[in-house]
Amino acid sequence: MANELLCKATYPLLGNLSSGVKEEVENFLGSENFSARNATEASYWTNAVIYAGLGVHLGMGTDISGMGAVCGGLAGAMLATLEGFCREASYNHDIQTWGLSETGGKTASLVGKVVSLPLDAIMILNEKIKENKRGK
């Protein structure tokens, strides 16, 4: 029970990573403990709060701090909403870019994709090595 709760507590963070990384985590921990799709959905909501909060924080530094904070918060919330719509738009589609695939419904956030690029590259290289060994 504690293990399952700990895994679910990672949803807001791990939900931002690429689908390949999330699927590896799901395979390692088991689908009963970690769901890549649920982690993605959890990250939509936490990103909205984080982006809006970051916008408010950045807006507080402007000369008109009250209005700057409101505008910054709205800009952050709009960015999170746009990112969420784009991620959700891929729900029934698989996206293939430069050998990196995003499985429908489990796409990474922009920040999560940048963070998980090295892991994606390692997984792609590992798969290519396995294919070459099978081919010989």
C-alpha atoms as a PDB file:
ATOM      1  CA  MET A   1       0.000   0.000   0.000  1.00  0.00           C
ATOM      2  CA  ALA A   2       2.770   2.467   0.925  1.00  0.00           C
ATOM      3  CA  ASN A   3       4.671   1.512  -2.228  1.00  0.00           C
ATOM      4  CA  GLU A   4       1.605   2.212  -4.375  1.00  0.00           C
ATOM      5  CA  LEU A   5       1.089   5.609  -2.714  1.00  0.00           C
ATOM      6  CA  LEU A   6       4.732   6.498  -3.208  1.00  0.00           C
ATOM      7  CA  CYS A   7       4.468   5.610  -6.902  1.00  0.00           C
ATOM      8  CA  LYS A   8       1.334   7.715  -7.301  1.00  0.00           C
ATOM      9  CA  ALA A   9       3.064  10.639  -5.576  1.00  0.00           C
ATOM     10  CA  THR A  10       5.547  10.703  -8.476  1.00  0.00           C
ATOM     11  CA  TYR A  11       2.779  11.179 -11.088  1.00  0.00           C
ATOM     12  CA  PRO A  12       3.058  15.006 -11.324  1.00  0.00           C
ATOM     13  CA  LEU A  13       6.797  14.799 -11.971  1.00  0.00           C
ATOM     14  CA  LEU A  14       7.133  11.596 -14.018  1.00  0.00           C
ATOM     15  CA  GLY A  15       4.014  12.421 -16.044  1.00  0.00           C
ATOM     16  CA  ASN A  16       5.993  15.116 -17.839  1.00  0.00           C
ATOM     17  CA  LEU A  17       8.608  12.711 -19.200  1.00  0.00           C
ATOM     18  CA  SER A  18       8.483  11.111 -22.640  1.00  0.00           C
ATOM     19  CA  SER A  19       6.151   8.178 -23.237  1.00  0.00           C
ATOM     20  CA  GLY A  20       9.069   5.756 -23.674  1.00  0.00           C
ATOM     21  CA  VAL A  21      10.476   6.604 -20.258  1.00  0.00           C
ATOM     22  CA  LYS A  22       7.028   6.423 -18.630  1.00  0.00           C
ATOM     23  CA  GLU A  23       6.358   3.051 -20.236  1.00  0.00           C
ATOM     24  CA  GLU A  24       9.707   1.733 -18.976  1.00  0.00           C
ATOM     25  CA  VAL A  25       8.807   2.896 -15.460  1.00  0.00           C
ATOM     26  CA  GLU A  26       5.382   1.254 -15.819  1.00  0.00           C
ATOM     27  CA  ASN A  27       6.971  -2.024 -16.958  1.00  0.00           C
ATOM     28  CA  PHE A  28       9.507  -1.912 -14.125  1.00  0.00           C
ATOM     29  CA  LEU A  29       7.060  -1.066 -11.322  1.00  0.00           C
ATOM     30  CA  GLY A  30       4.056  -2.910 -12.735  1.00  0.00           C
ATOM     31  CA  SER A  31       0.862  -1.391 -14.091  1.00  0.00           C
ATOM     32  CA  GLU A  32      -0.862  -1.901 -10.736  1.00  0.00           C
ATOM     33  CA  ASN A  33       1.613   0.538  -9.122  1.00  0.00           C
ATOM     34  CA  PHE A  34       2.252   3.042 -11.918  1.00  0.00           C
ATOM     35  CA  SER A  35       0.107   4.081 -14.871  1.00  0.00           C
ATOM     36  CA  ALA A  36       1.806   6.137 -17.592  1.00  0.00           C
ATOM     37  CA  ARG A  37      -1.550   7.483 -18.776  1.00  0.00           C
ATOM     38  CA  ASN A  38      -2.650   8.531 -15.266  1.00  0.00           C
ATOM     39  CA  ALA A  39       0.740  10.127 -14.628  1.00  0.00           C
ATOM     40  CA  THR A  40       0.352  12.150 -17.827  1.00  0.00           C
ATOM     41  CA  GLU A  41      -3.088  13.344 -16.781  1.00  0.00           C
ATOM     42  CA  ALA A  42      -1.849  14.285 -13.297  1.00  0.00           C
ATOM     43  CA  SER A  43       0.941  16.333 -14.835  1.00  0.00           C
ATOM     44  CA  TYR A  44      -1.608  18.409 -16.825  1.00  0.00           C
ATOM     45  CA  TRP A  45      -3.087  19.779 -13.606  1.00  0.00           C
ATOM     46  CA  THR A  46       0.121  20.260 -11.688  1.00  0.00           C
ATOM     47  CA  ASN A  47       1.705  22.018 -14.667  1.00  0.00           C
ATOM     48  CA  ALA A  48      -1.214  24.454 -14.772  1.00  0.00           C
ATOM     49  CA  VAL A  49      -0.636  25.369 -11.123  1.00  0.00           C
ATOM     50  CA  ILE A  50       3.156  25.547 -11.485  1.00  0.00           C
ATOM     51  CA  TYR A  51       3.081  27.610 -14.697  1.00  0.00           C
ATOM     52  CA  ALA A  52       0.522  30.034 -13.265  1.00  0.00           C
ATOM     53  CA  GLY A  53       2.502  30.342 -10.022  1.00  0.00           C
ATOM     54  CA  LEU A  54       5.708  30.938 -11.938  1.00  0.00           C
ATOM     55  CA  GLY A  55       3.946  33.589 -14.028  1.00  0.00           C
ATOM     56  CA  VAL A  56       2.730  35.348 -10.874  1.00  0.00           C
ATOM     57  CA  HIS A  57       6.226  35.204  -9.378  1.00  0.00           C
ATOM     58  CA  LEU A  58       7.813  36.649 -12.524  1.00  0.00           C
ATOM     59  CA  GLY A  59       5.057  39.263 -12.814  1.00  0.00           C
ATOM     60  CA  MET A  60       5.695  40.482  -9.259  1.00  0.00           C
ATOM     61  CA  GLY A  61       9.026  41.888 -10.424  1.00  0.00           C
ATOM     62  CA  THR A  62       7.425  44.354 -12.826  1.00  0.00           C
ATOM     63  CA  ASP A  63       6.860  48.010 -12.018  1.00  0.00           C
ATOM     64  CA  ILE A  64       3.101  47.579 -11.722  1.00  0.00           C
ATOM     65  CA  SER A  65       3.382  44.561  -9.464  1.00  0.00           C
ATOM     66  CA  GLY A  66      -0.334  43.956  -8.937  1.00  0.00           C
ATOM     67  CA  MET A  67      -1.199  43.989 -12.622  1.00  0.00           C
ATOM     68  CA  GLY A  68       2.033  42.256 -13.594  1.00  0.00           C
ATOM     69  CA  ALA A  69       1.289  39.377 -11.241  1.00  0.00           C
ATOM     70  CA  VAL A  70      -2.225  38.975 -12.648  1.00  0.00           C
ATOM     71  CA  CYS A  71      -0.992  39.090 -16.246  1.00  0.00           C
ATOM     72  CA  GLY A  72       1.867  36.713 -15.460  1.00  0.00           C
ATOM     73  CA  GLY A  73      -0.487  34.257 -13.786  1.00  0.00           C
ATOM     74  CA  LEU A  74      -2.901  34.385 -16.717  1.00  0.00           C
ATOM     75  CA  ALA A  75      -0.065  33.920 -19.211  1.00  0.00           C
ATOM     76  CA  GLY A  76       1.218  30.923 -17.257  1.00  0.00           C
ATOM     77  CA  ALA A  77      -2.253  29.383 -17.065  1.00  0.00           C
ATOM     78  CA  MET A  78      -2.780  29.942 -20.801  1.00  0.00           C
ATOM     79  CA  LEU A  79       0.582  28.308 -21.577  1.00  0.00           C
ATOM     80  CA  ALA A  80      -0.316  25.295 -19.431  1.00  0.00           C
ATOM     81  CA  THR A  81      -3.729  25.050 -21.101  1.00  0.00           C
ATOM     82  CA  LEU A  82      -2.214  25.219 -24.583  1.00  0.00           C
ATOM     83  CA  GLU A  83       0.387  22.611 -23.702  1.00  0.00           C
ATOM     84  CA  GLY A  84      -2.313  20.376 -22.202  1.00  0.00           C
ATOM     85  CA  PHE A  85      -4.465  20.667 -25.324  1.00  0.00           C
ATOM     86  CA  CYS A  86      -1.517  19.807 -27.562  1.00  0.00           C
ATOM     87  CA  ARG A  87      -0.593  16.819 -25.412  1.00  0.00           C
ATOM     88  CA  GLU A  88      -4.191  15.624 -25.265  1.00  0.00           C
ATOM     89  CA  ALA A  89      -4.640  16.093 -29.027  1.00  0.00           C
ATOM     90  CA  SER A  90      -2.232  13.201 -29.514  1.00  0.00           C
ATOM     91  CA  TYR A  91      -4.430  10.877 -27.444  1.00  0.00           C
ATOM     92  CA  ASN A  92      -5.321   8.627 -30.387  1.00  0.00           C
ATOM     93  CA  HIS A  93      -2.147   9.217 -32.378  1.00  0.00           C
ATOM     94  CA  ASP A  94       1.432   8.055 -32.158  1.00  0.00           C
ATOM     95  CA  ILE A  95       3.971  10.743 -32.996  1.00  0.00           C
ATOM     96  CA  GLN A  96       7.296   9.784 -34.569  1.00  0.00           C
ATOM     97  CA  THR A  97      10.052  12.428 -34.654  1.00  0.00           C
ATOM     98  CA  TRP A  98      13.743  11.743 -35.263  1.00  0.00           C
ATOM     99  CA  GLY A  99      13.335   8.158 -34.108  1.00  0.00           C
ATOM    100  CA  LEU A 100      11.718   9.288 -30.845  1.00  0.00           C
ATOM    101  CA  SER A 101       8.135   8.149 -30.581  1.00  0.00           C
ATOM    102  CA  GLU A 102       5.422   9.495 -28.331  1.00  0.00           C
ATOM    103  CA  THR A 103       2.636   7.017 -27.698  1.00  0.00           C
ATOM    104  CA  GLY A 104      -0.864   8.445 -27.921  1.00  0.00           C
ATOM    105  CA  GLY A 105      -2.207   9.733 -24.653  1.00  0.00           C
ATOM    106  CA  LYS A 106       1.163   9.661 -22.906  1.00  0.00           C
ATOM    107  CA  THR A 107       3.018  12.530 -24.548  1.00  0.00           C
ATOM    108  CA  ALA A 108       5.652  14.520 -22.724  1.00  0.00           C
ATOM    109  CA  SER A 109       5.436  18.146 -21.748  1.00  0.00           C
ATOM    110  CA  LEU A 110       7.933  20.433 -23.438  1.00  0.00           C
ATOM    111  CA  VAL A 111      10.150  20.605 -20.359  1.00  0.00           C
ATOM    112  CA  GLY A 112       9.757  16.867 -19.732  1.00  0.00           C
ATOM    113  CA  LYS A 113      10.758  16.043 -23.295  1.00  0.00           C
ATOM    114  CA  VAL A 114      13.934  18.106 -23.011  1.00  0.00           C
ATOM    115  CA  VAL A 115      14.791  16.451 -19.683  1.00  0.00           C
ATOM    116  CA  SER A 116      14.118  12.940 -20.970  1.00  0.00           C
ATOM    117  CA  LEU A 117      15.942  13.301 -24.325  1.00  0.00           C
ATOM    118  CA  PRO A 118      19.157  11.684 -22.992  1.00  0.00           C
ATOM    119  CA  LEU A 119      17.138   8.741 -21.655  1.00  0.00           C
ATOM    120  CA  ASP A 120      15.313   8.442 -24.982  1.00  0.00           C
ATOM    121  CA  ALA A 121      18.627   8.419 -26.829  1.00  0.00           C
ATOM    122  CA  ILE A 122      19.980   5.664 -24.573  1.00  0.00           C
ATOM    123  CA  MET A 123      16.825   3.589 -25.064  1.00  0.00           C
ATOM    124  CA  ILE A 124      17.009   4.016 -28.856  1.00  0.00           C
ATOM    125  CA  LEU A 125      20.693   3.015 -28.914  1.00  0.00           C
ATOM    126  CA  ASN A 126      19.952   0.017 -26.715  1.00  0.00           C
ATOM    127  CA  GLU A 127      17.153  -1.077 -29.064  1.00  0.00           C
ATOM    128  CA  LYS A 128      19.423  -0.675 -32.118  1.00  0.00           C
ATOM    129  CA  ILE A 129      22.118  -2.784 -30.443  1.00  0.00           C
ATOM    130  CA  LYS A 130      19.555  -5.512 -29.692  1.00  0.00           C
ATOM    131  CA  GLU A 131      18.324  -5.424 -33.305  1.00  0.00           C
ATOM    132  CA  ASN A 132      21.877  -5.749 -34.616  1.00  0.00           C
ATOM    133  CA  LYS A 133      22.600  -8.694 -32.311  1.00  0.00           C
ATOM    134  CA  ARG A 134      19.415 -10.459 -33.458  1.00  0.00           C
ATOM    135  CA  GLY A 135      20.312  -9.825 -37.094  1.00  0.00           C
ATOM    136  CA  LYS A 136      23.748 -11.494 -36.831  1.00  0.00           C
END
